[in-house]
Amino acid sequence: ADVLGRQILRSATSVGASYRAARRAKSTADIINKLKIVEEETDETLFWQELLIEAGLVPAQRLNHLMQETNEIIAMTVASIKTLRNRK
């Protein structure tokens, strides 16, 4: 559980750092590239959350709300990427 928790901490903090970098990007292409990193890191965070449940380390009901929020971040990020690509 400790190893998985550390992985979640790494990927989740990377989401925030990458989003901040996207907000300071110099071009639309740069924003899209940084948002792709946000998408990847958020999906990785979801993976670690799922592993905690599948390994029986954390009950699903304890992570359901957090996993829902993680999925919402993925959906918003993908929607933003699509919008930016359509503007190009």
PDB file of N, CA and C in Angstrom:
ATOM      1  N   ALA A   1       0.823  -1.191   0.000  1.00  0.00           N
ATOM      2  CA  ALA A   1       0.000   0.000   0.000  1.00  0.00           C
ATOM      3  C   ALA A   1       0.868   1.257   0.000  1.00  0.00           C
ATOM      4  N   ASP A   2       1.981   1.195   0.708  1.00  0.00           N
ATOM      5  CA  ASP A   2       2.878   2.349   0.780  1.00  0.00           C
ATOM      6  C   ASP A   2       3.446   2.686  -0.600  1.00  0.00           C
ATOM      7  N   VAL A   3       3.857   1.660  -1.332  1.00  0.00           N
ATOM      8  CA  VAL A   3       4.412   1.875  -2.676  1.00  0.00           C
ATOM      9  C   VAL A   3       3.353   2.477  -3.595  1.00  0.00           C
ATOM     10  N   LEU A   4       2.137   1.929  -3.561  1.00  0.00           N
ATOM     11  CA  LEU A   4       1.067   2.447  -4.412  1.00  0.00           C
ATOM     12  C   LEU A   4       0.690   3.872  -4.004  1.00  0.00           C
ATOM     13  N   GLY A   5       0.665   4.136  -2.720  1.00  0.00           N
ATOM     14  CA  GLY A   5       0.362   5.483  -2.235  1.00  0.00           C
ATOM     15  C   GLY A   5       1.377   6.503  -2.729  1.00  0.00           C
ATOM     16  N   ARG A   6       2.638   6.101  -2.729  1.00  0.00           N
ATOM     17  CA  ARG A   6       3.686   7.006  -3.230  1.00  0.00           C
ATOM     18  C   ARG A   6       3.541   7.242  -4.733  1.00  0.00           C
ATOM     19  N   GLN A   7       3.158   6.199  -5.453  1.00  0.00           N
ATOM     20  CA  GLN A   7       2.941   6.346  -6.892  1.00  0.00           C
ATOM     21  C   GLN A   7       1.782   7.314  -7.165  1.00  0.00           C
ATOM     22  N   ILE A   8       0.719   7.191  -6.381  1.00  0.00           N
ATOM     23  CA  ILE A   8      -0.416   8.109  -6.526  1.00  0.00           C
ATOM     24  C   ILE A   8       0.028   9.537  -6.239  1.00  0.00           C
ATOM     25  N   LEU A   9       0.819   9.707  -5.193  1.00  0.00           N
ATOM     26  CA  LEU A   9       1.315  11.042  -4.852  1.00  0.00           C
ATOM     27  C   LEU A   9       2.130  11.627  -5.998  1.00  0.00           C
ATOM     28  N   ARG A  10       3.006  10.816  -6.603  1.00  0.00           N
ATOM     29  CA  ARG A  10       3.832  11.296  -7.712  1.00  0.00           C
ATOM     30  C   ARG A  10       2.986  11.688  -8.928  1.00  0.00           C
ATOM     31  N   SER A  11       2.098  10.785  -9.332  1.00  0.00           N
ATOM     32  CA  SER A  11       1.324  11.067 -10.548  1.00  0.00           C
ATOM     33  C   SER A  11       0.324  12.198 -10.322  1.00  0.00           C
ATOM     34  N   ALA A  12      -0.294  12.229  -9.149  1.00  0.00           N
ATOM     35  CA  ALA A  12      -1.294  13.272  -8.873  1.00  0.00           C
ATOM     36  C   ALA A  12      -0.650  14.657  -8.779  1.00  0.00           C
ATOM     37  N   THR A  13       0.519  14.743  -8.183  1.00  0.00           N
ATOM     38  CA  THR A  13       1.178  16.051  -8.122  1.00  0.00           C
ATOM     39  C   THR A  13       1.687  16.467  -9.497  1.00  0.00           C
ATOM     40  N   SER A  14       2.020  15.510 -10.319  1.00  0.00           N
ATOM     41  CA  SER A  14       2.425  15.818 -11.687  1.00  0.00           C
ATOM     42  C   SER A  14       1.264  16.408 -12.477  1.00  0.00           C
ATOM     43  N   VAL A  15       0.043  15.966 -12.180  1.00  0.00           N
ATOM     44  CA  VAL A  15      -1.146  16.527 -12.835  1.00  0.00           C
ATOM     45  C   VAL A  15      -1.199  18.028 -12.583  1.00  0.00           C
ATOM     46  N   GLY A  16      -1.069  18.423 -11.347  1.00  0.00           N
ATOM     47  CA  GLY A  16      -1.130  19.847 -10.996  1.00  0.00           C
ATOM     48  C   GLY A  16      -0.005  20.646 -11.616  1.00  0.00           C
ATOM     49  N   ALA A  17       1.203  20.105 -11.564  1.00  0.00           N
ATOM     50  CA  ALA A  17       2.357  20.811 -12.138  1.00  0.00           C
ATOM     51  C   ALA A  17       2.226  20.944 -13.654  1.00  0.00           C
ATOM     52  N   SER A  18       1.744  19.891 -14.298  1.00  0.00           N
ATOM     53  CA  SER A  18       1.598  19.930 -15.760  1.00  0.00           C
ATOM     54  C   SER A  18       0.481  20.874 -16.178  1.00  0.00           C
ATOM     55  N   TYR A  19      -0.590  20.916 -15.398  1.00  0.00           N
ATOM     56  CA  TYR A  19      -1.672  21.850 -15.709  1.00  0.00           C
ATOM     57  C   TYR A  19      -1.181  23.288 -15.573  1.00  0.00           C
ATOM     58  N   ARG A  20      -0.419  23.540 -14.534  1.00  0.00           N
ATOM     59  CA  ARG A  20       0.131  24.892 -14.351  1.00  0.00           C
ATOM     60  C   ARG A  20       1.030  25.258 -15.529  1.00  0.00           C
ATOM     61  N   ALA A  21       1.844  24.300 -15.983  1.00  0.00           N
ATOM     62  CA  ALA A  21       2.707  24.546 -17.134  1.00  0.00           C
ATOM     63  C   ALA A  21       1.877  24.824 -18.381  1.00  0.00           C
ATOM     64  N   ALA A  22       0.754  24.119 -18.539  1.00  0.00           N
ATOM     65  CA  ALA A  22      -0.120  24.349 -19.695  1.00  0.00           C
ATOM     66  C   ALA A  22      -0.686  25.762 -19.680  1.00  0.00           C
ATOM     67  N   ARG A  23      -0.996  26.254 -18.496  1.00  0.00           N
ATOM     68  CA  ARG A  23      -1.537  27.613 -18.389  1.00  0.00           C
ATOM     69  C   ARG A  23      -0.506  28.667 -18.769  1.00  0.00           C
ATOM     70  N   ARG A  24       0.766  28.322 -18.717  1.00  0.00           N
ATOM     71  CA  ARG A  24       1.839  29.265 -19.056  1.00  0.00           C
ATOM     72  C   ARG A  24       2.458  28.960 -20.418  1.00  0.00           C
ATOM     73  N   ALA A  25       1.824  28.091 -21.180  1.00  0.00           N
ATOM     74  CA  ALA A  25       2.367  27.673 -22.476  1.00  0.00           C
ATOM     75  C   ALA A  25       2.453  28.844 -23.446  1.00  0.00           C
ATOM     76  N   LYS A  26       3.341  28.701 -24.400  1.00  0.00           N
ATOM     77  CA  LYS A  26       3.619  29.799 -25.330  1.00  0.00           C
ATOM     78  C   LYS A  26       2.830  29.736 -26.630  1.00  0.00           C
ATOM     79  N   SER A  27       2.230  28.582 -26.909  1.00  0.00           N
ATOM     80  CA  SER A  27       1.460  28.442 -28.146  1.00  0.00           C
ATOM     81  C   SER A  27       0.360  27.408 -27.935  1.00  0.00           C
ATOM     82  N   THR A  28      -0.567  27.350 -28.880  1.00  0.00           N
ATOM     83  CA  THR A  28      -1.646  26.360 -28.788  1.00  0.00           C
ATOM     84  C   THR A  28      -1.075  24.949 -28.816  1.00  0.00           C
ATOM     85  N   ALA A  29      -0.097  24.719 -29.674  1.00  0.00           N
ATOM     86  CA  ALA A  29       0.522  23.392 -29.743  1.00  0.00           C
ATOM     87  C   ALA A  29       1.188  23.029 -28.415  1.00  0.00           C
ATOM     88  N   ASP A  30       1.811  23.999 -27.790  1.00  0.00           N
ATOM     89  CA  ASP A  30       2.455  23.781 -26.492  1.00  0.00           C
ATOM     90  C   ASP A  30       1.411  23.458 -25.416  1.00  0.00           C
ATOM     91  N   ILE A  31       0.296  24.184 -25.445  1.00  0.00           N
ATOM     92  CA  ILE A  31      -0.786  23.915 -24.488  1.00  0.00           C
ATOM     93  C   ILE A  31      -1.284  22.485 -24.674  1.00  0.00           C
ATOM     94  N   ILE A  32      -1.516  22.092 -25.909  1.00  0.00           N
ATOM     95  CA  ILE A  32      -2.025  20.748 -26.186  1.00  0.00           C
ATOM     96  C   ILE A  32      -1.037  19.694 -25.687  1.00  0.00           C
ATOM     97  N   ASN A  33       0.228  19.889 -25.963  1.00  0.00           N
ATOM     98  CA  ASN A  33       1.236  18.925 -25.503  1.00  0.00           C
ATOM     99  C   ASN A  33       1.250  18.797 -23.984  1.00  0.00           C
ATOM    100  N   LYS A  34       1.158  19.905 -23.300  1.00  0.00           N
ATOM    101  CA  LYS A  34       1.171  19.866 -21.841  1.00  0.00           C
ATOM    102  C   LYS A  34      -0.125  19.266 -21.292  1.00  0.00           C
ATOM    103  N   LEU A  35      -1.250  19.542 -21.953  1.00  0.00           N
ATOM    104  CA  LEU A  35      -2.519  18.936 -21.519  1.00  0.00           C
ATOM    105  C   LEU A  35      -2.527  17.426 -21.771  1.00  0.00           C
ATOM    106  N   LYS A  36      -1.817  16.972 -22.785  1.00  0.00           N
ATOM    107  CA  LYS A  36      -1.683  15.523 -23.001  1.00  0.00           C
ATOM    108  C   LYS A  36      -0.945  14.882 -21.830  1.00  0.00           C
ATOM    109  N   ILE A  37       0.036  15.580 -21.286  1.00  0.00           N
ATOM    110  CA  ILE A  37       0.736  15.080 -20.101  1.00  0.00           C
ATOM    111  C   ILE A  37      -0.225  15.033 -18.918  1.00  0.00           C
ATOM    112  N   VAL A  38      -1.058  16.063 -18.775  1.00  0.00           N
ATOM    113  CA  VAL A  38      -2.074  16.071 -17.721  1.00  0.00           C
ATOM    114  C   VAL A  38      -2.973  14.847 -17.868  1.00  0.00           C
ATOM    115  N   GLU A  39      -3.419  14.595 -19.089  1.00  0.00           N
ATOM    116  CA  GLU A  39      -4.286  13.436 -19.346  1.00  0.00           C
ATOM    117  C   GLU A  39      -3.588  12.128 -18.962  1.00  0.00           C
ATOM    118  N   GLU A  40      -2.353  11.971 -19.380  1.00  0.00           N
ATOM    119  CA  GLU A  40      -1.606  10.742 -19.096  1.00  0.00           C
ATOM    120  C   GLU A  40      -1.384  10.548 -17.598  1.00  0.00           C
ATOM    121  N   GLU A  41      -0.993  11.604 -16.910  1.00  0.00           N
ATOM    122  CA  GLU A  41      -0.725  11.500 -15.475  1.00  0.00           C
ATOM    123  C   GLU A  41      -2.012  11.261 -14.683  1.00  0.00           C
ATOM    124  N   THR A  42      -3.104  11.857 -15.134  1.00  0.00           N
ATOM    125  CA  THR A  42      -4.388  11.635 -14.461  1.00  0.00           C
ATOM    126  C   THR A  42      -4.831  10.194 -14.653  1.00  0.00           C
ATOM    127  N   ASP A  43      -4.656   9.677 -15.866  1.00  0.00           N
ATOM    128  CA  ASP A  43      -4.999   8.282 -16.120  1.00  0.00           C
ATOM    129  C   ASP A  43      -4.120   7.347 -15.296  1.00  0.00           C
ATOM    130  N   GLU A  44      -2.848   7.699 -15.146  1.00  0.00           N
ATOM    131  CA  GLU A  44      -1.957   6.889 -14.311  1.00  0.00           C
ATOM    132  C   GLU A  44      -2.420   6.911 -12.854  1.00  0.00           C
ATOM    133  N   THR A  45      -2.848   8.062 -12.382  1.00  0.00           N
ATOM    134  CA  THR A  45      -3.368   8.162 -11.017  1.00  0.00           C
ATOM    135  C   THR A  45      -4.571   7.242 -10.839  1.00  0.00           C
ATOM    136  N   LEU A  46      -5.453   7.234 -11.830  1.00  0.00           N
ATOM    137  CA  LEU A  46      -6.616   6.343 -11.798  1.00  0.00           C
ATOM    138  C   LEU A  46      -6.170   4.881 -11.754  1.00  0.00           C
ATOM    139  N   PHE A  47      -5.153   4.547 -12.530  1.00  0.00           N
ATOM    140  CA  PHE A  47      -4.612   3.183 -12.526  1.00  0.00           C
ATOM    141  C   PHE A  47      -4.167   2.770 -11.127  1.00  0.00           C
ATOM    142  N   TRP A  48      -3.410   3.627 -10.446  1.00  0.00           N
ATOM    143  CA  TRP A  48      -2.929   3.291  -9.100  1.00  0.00           C
ATOM    144  C   TRP A  48      -4.093   3.155  -8.127  1.00  0.00           C
ATOM    145  N   GLN A  49      -5.114   4.002  -8.276  1.00  0.00           N
ATOM    146  CA  GLN A  49      -6.294   3.884  -7.418  1.00  0.00           C
ATOM    147  C   GLN A  49      -6.976   2.531  -7.640  1.00  0.00           C
ATOM    148  N   GLU A  50      -7.118   2.141  -8.901  1.00  0.00           N
ATOM    149  CA  GLU A  50      -7.739   0.849  -9.217  1.00  0.00           C
ATOM    150  C   GLU A  50      -6.926  -0.299  -8.645  1.00  0.00           C
ATOM    151  N   LEU A  51      -5.594  -0.186  -8.701  1.00  0.00           N
ATOM    152  CA  LEU A  51      -4.739  -1.235  -8.147  1.00  0.00           C
ATOM    153  C   LEU A  51      -4.925  -1.376  -6.634  1.00  0.00           C
ATOM    154  N   LEU A  52      -5.077  -0.258  -5.949  1.00  0.00           N
ATOM    155  CA  LEU A  52      -5.329  -0.318  -4.499  1.00  0.00           C
ATOM    156  C   LEU A  52      -6.571  -1.146  -4.191  1.00  0.00           C
ATOM    157  N   ILE A  53      -7.596  -0.957  -4.999  1.00  0.00           N
ATOM    158  CA  ILE A  53      -8.849  -1.685  -4.795  1.00  0.00           C
ATOM    159  C   ILE A  53      -8.676  -3.157  -5.176  1.00  0.00           C
ATOM    160  N   GLU A  54      -8.108  -3.402  -6.357  1.00  0.00           N
ATOM    161  CA  GLU A  54      -7.954  -4.777  -6.850  1.00  0.00           C
ATOM    162  C   GLU A  54      -7.048  -5.610  -5.953  1.00  0.00           C
ATOM    163  N   ALA A  55      -6.080  -4.966  -5.311  1.00  0.00           N
ATOM    164  CA  ALA A  55      -5.182  -5.678  -4.408  1.00  0.00           C
ATOM    165  C   ALA A  55      -5.828  -5.904  -3.044  1.00  0.00           C
ATOM    166  N   GLY A  56      -7.016  -5.343  -2.853  1.00  0.00           N
ATOM    167  CA  GLY A  56      -7.710  -5.499  -1.580  1.00  0.00           C
ATOM    168  C   GLY A  56      -7.127  -4.655  -0.460  1.00  0.00           C
ATOM    169  N   LEU A  57      -6.367  -3.627  -0.820  1.00  0.00           N
ATOM    170  CA  LEU A  57      -5.733  -2.776   0.183  1.00  0.00           C
ATOM    171  C   LEU A  57      -6.642  -1.661   0.682  1.00  0.00           C
ATOM    172  N   VAL A  58      -7.555  -1.233  -0.179  1.00  0.00           N
ATOM    173  CA  VAL A  58      -8.498  -0.166   0.169  1.00  0.00           C
ATOM    174  C   VAL A  58      -9.868  -0.581  -0.350  1.00  0.00           C
ATOM    175  N   PRO A  59     -10.908  -0.453   0.482  1.00  0.00           N
ATOM    176  CA  PRO A  59     -12.252  -0.780  -0.014  1.00  0.00           C
ATOM    177  C   PRO A  59     -12.690   0.203  -1.097  1.00  0.00           C
ATOM    178  N   ALA A  60     -13.394  -0.312  -2.099  1.00  0.00           N
ATOM    179  CA  ALA A  60     -13.833   0.510  -3.232  1.00  0.00           C
ATOM    180  C   ALA A  60     -14.617   1.735  -2.774  1.00  0.00           C
ATOM    181  N   GLN A  61     -15.469   1.576  -1.766  1.00  0.00           N
ATOM    182  CA  GLN A  61     -16.291   2.719  -1.341  1.00  0.00           C
ATOM    183  C   GLN A  61     -15.452   3.876  -0.801  1.00  0.00           C
ATOM    184  N   ARG A  62     -14.241   3.603  -0.334  1.00  0.00           N
ATOM    185  CA  ARG A  62     -13.374   4.688   0.154  1.00  0.00           C
ATOM    186  C   ARG A  62     -12.777   5.495  -0.990  1.00  0.00           C
ATOM    187  N   LEU A  63     -12.645   4.877  -2.155  1.00  0.00           N
ATOM    188  CA  LEU A  63     -12.020   5.563  -3.287  1.00  0.00           C
ATOM    189  C   LEU A  63     -13.005   5.984  -4.368  1.00  0.00           C
ATOM    190  N   ASN A  64     -14.250   5.564  -4.275  1.00  0.00           N
ATOM    191  CA  ASN A  64     -15.219   5.852  -5.345  1.00  0.00           C
ATOM    192  C   ASN A  64     -15.302   7.337  -5.677  1.00  0.00           C
ATOM    193  N   HIS A  65     -15.442   8.178  -4.660  1.00  0.00           N
ATOM    194  CA  HIS A  65     -15.584   9.618  -4.907  1.00  0.00           C
ATOM    195  C   HIS A  65     -14.311  10.180  -5.543  1.00  0.00           C
ATOM    196  N   LEU A  66     -13.171   9.770  -5.034  1.00  0.00           N
ATOM    197  CA  LEU A  66     -11.898  10.245  -5.570  1.00  0.00           C
ATOM    198  C   LEU A  66     -11.709   9.782  -7.008  1.00  0.00           C
ATOM    199  N   MET A  67     -12.084   8.539  -7.293  1.00  0.00           N
ATOM    200  CA  MET A  67     -11.962   8.027  -8.657  1.00  0.00           C
ATOM    201  C   MET A  67     -12.933   8.734  -9.599  1.00  0.00           C
ATOM    202  N   GLN A  68     -14.100   9.090  -9.098  1.00  0.00           N
ATOM    203  CA  GLN A  68     -15.049   9.850  -9.911  1.00  0.00           C
ATOM    204  C   GLN A  68     -14.453  11.209 -10.270  1.00  0.00           C
ATOM    205  N   GLU A  69     -13.859  11.870  -9.303  1.00  0.00           N
ATOM    206  CA  GLU A  69     -13.225  13.162  -9.576  1.00  0.00           C
ATOM    207  C   GLU A  69     -12.063  13.012 -10.560  1.00  0.00           C
ATOM    208  N   THR A  70     -11.305  11.945 -10.425  1.00  0.00           N
ATOM    209  CA  THR A  70     -10.198  11.695 -11.339  1.00  0.00           C
ATOM    210  C   THR A  70     -10.716  11.509 -12.764  1.00  0.00           C
ATOM    211  N   ASN A  71     -11.785  10.750 -12.912  1.00  0.00           N
ATOM    212  CA  ASN A  71     -12.410  10.575 -14.236  1.00  0.00           C
ATOM    213  C   ASN A  71     -12.927  11.896 -14.791  1.00  0.00           C
ATOM    214  N   GLU A  72     -13.457  12.749 -13.933  1.00  0.00           N
ATOM    215  CA  GLU A  72     -13.948  14.056 -14.372  1.00  0.00           C
ATOM    216  C   GLU A  72     -12.801  14.937 -14.870  1.00  0.00           C
ATOM    217  N   ILE A  73     -11.655  14.854 -14.198  1.00  0.00           N
ATOM    218  CA  ILE A  73     -10.484  15.619 -14.645  1.00  0.00           C
ATOM    219  C   ILE A  73     -10.043  15.130 -16.025  1.00  0.00           C
ATOM    220  N   ILE A  74     -10.048  13.806 -16.210  1.00  0.00           N
ATOM    221  CA  ILE A  74      -9.696  13.255 -17.520  1.00  0.00           C
ATOM    222  C   ILE A  74     -10.662  13.778 -18.584  1.00  0.00           C
ATOM    223  N   ALA A  75     -11.956  13.728 -18.293  1.00  0.00           N
ATOM    224  CA  ALA A  75     -12.963  14.174 -19.262  1.00  0.00           C
ATOM    225  C   ALA A  75     -12.791  15.651 -19.603  1.00  0.00           C
ATOM    226  N   MET A  76     -12.556  16.492 -18.607  1.00  0.00           N
ATOM    227  CA  MET A  76     -12.372  17.923 -18.859  1.00  0.00           C
ATOM    228  C   MET A  76     -11.112  18.185 -19.668  1.00  0.00           C
ATOM    229  N   THR A  77     -10.056  17.441 -19.365  1.00  0.00           N
ATOM    230  CA  THR A  77      -8.799  17.617 -20.082  1.00  0.00           C
ATOM    231  C   THR A  77      -8.947  17.204 -21.545  1.00  0.00           C
ATOM    232  N   VAL A  78      -9.580  16.069 -21.780  1.00  0.00           N
ATOM    233  CA  VAL A  78      -9.799  15.601 -23.156  1.00  0.00           C
ATOM    234  C   VAL A  78     -10.665  16.606 -23.921  1.00  0.00           C
ATOM    235  N   ALA A  79     -11.703  17.124 -23.278  1.00  0.00           N
ATOM    236  CA  ALA A  79     -12.565  18.116 -23.929  1.00  0.00           C
ATOM    237  C   ALA A  79     -11.772  19.375 -24.280  1.00  0.00           C
ATOM    238  N   SER A  80     -10.899  19.798 -23.389  1.00  0.00           N
ATOM    239  CA  SER A  80     -10.073  20.983 -23.665  1.00  0.00           C
ATOM    240  C   SER A  80      -9.134  20.739 -24.836  1.00  0.00           C
ATOM    241  N   ILE A  81      -8.523  19.565 -24.881  1.00  0.00           N
ATOM    242  CA  ILE A  81      -7.627  19.223 -25.992  1.00  0.00           C
ATOM    243  C   ILE A  81      -8.391  19.240 -27.312  1.00  0.00           C
ATOM    244  N   LYS A  82      -9.578  18.650 -27.326  1.00  0.00           N
ATOM    245  CA  LYS A  82     -10.395  18.617 -28.547  1.00  0.00           C
ATOM    246  C   LYS A  82     -10.757  20.022 -28.992  1.00  0.00           C
ATOM    247  N   THR A  83     -11.147  20.865 -28.050  1.00  0.00           N
ATOM    248  CA  THR A  83     -11.499  22.247 -28.380  1.00  0.00           C
ATOM    249  C   THR A  83     -10.302  22.974 -28.981  1.00  0.00           C
ATOM    250  N   LEU A  84      -9.152  22.822 -28.375  1.00  0.00           N
ATOM    251  CA  LEU A  84      -7.954  23.490 -28.880  1.00  0.00           C
ATOM    252  C   LEU A  84      -7.559  22.978 -30.260  1.00  0.00           C
ATOM    253  N   ARG A  85      -7.685  21.686 -30.479  1.00  0.00           N
ATOM    254  CA  ARG A  85      -7.362  21.122 -31.802  1.00  0.00           C
ATOM    255  C   ARG A  85      -8.322  21.647 -32.876  1.00  0.00           C
ATOM    256  N   ASN A  86      -9.584  21.816 -32.521  1.00  0.00           N
ATOM    257  CA  ASN A  86     -10.572  22.318 -33.487  1.00  0.00           C
ATOM    258  C   ASN A  86     -10.319  23.784 -33.827  1.00  0.00           C
ATOM    259  N   ARG A  87      -9.688  24.529 -32.964  1.00  0.00           N
ATOM    260  CA  ARG A  87      -9.380  25.945 -33.221  1.00  0.00           C
ATOM    261  C   ARG A  87      -8.213  26.115 -34.168  1.00  0.00           C
ATOM    262  N   LYS A  88      -7.357  25.094 -34.246  1.00  0.00           N
ATOM    263  CA  LYS A  88      -6.146  25.190 -35.084  1.00  0.00           C
ATOM    264  C   LYS A  88      -6.476  25.253 -36.506  1.00  0.00           C
TER     265      LYS A  88
END
